[in-house]
Amino acid sequence: MLVLTRKADQKIRIGDNIEIVVLRIQEGQVSLGFTAPKELEIVREELLANPTEKSRKKKNENRQDGLELAKDIKS
């Protein structure tokens, strides 16, 4: 495991197309921003431990895609 120390607004690069930015550090929490290709899924670990939540999220995404497609067809 590589361990790095970063301050707010500092970045970490992984390869040529993944960037992680420390957005803010506040009250014991770190906010991170990720820039990566769309085909790369980035998921919080606790969602992987709960397959029901992941399934629900996927259903909501599929529903949203369907609504957008219906809107495009109407126009």
Foldseek 3Di string as FASTA:
>chain_A
DDDDDDAAQDWDDDPDFKIKGFHHADDNDTDIDITHDPVDDDDDPVCVVPVVNVVVVVVVVVVVVVVVVVVVVVD
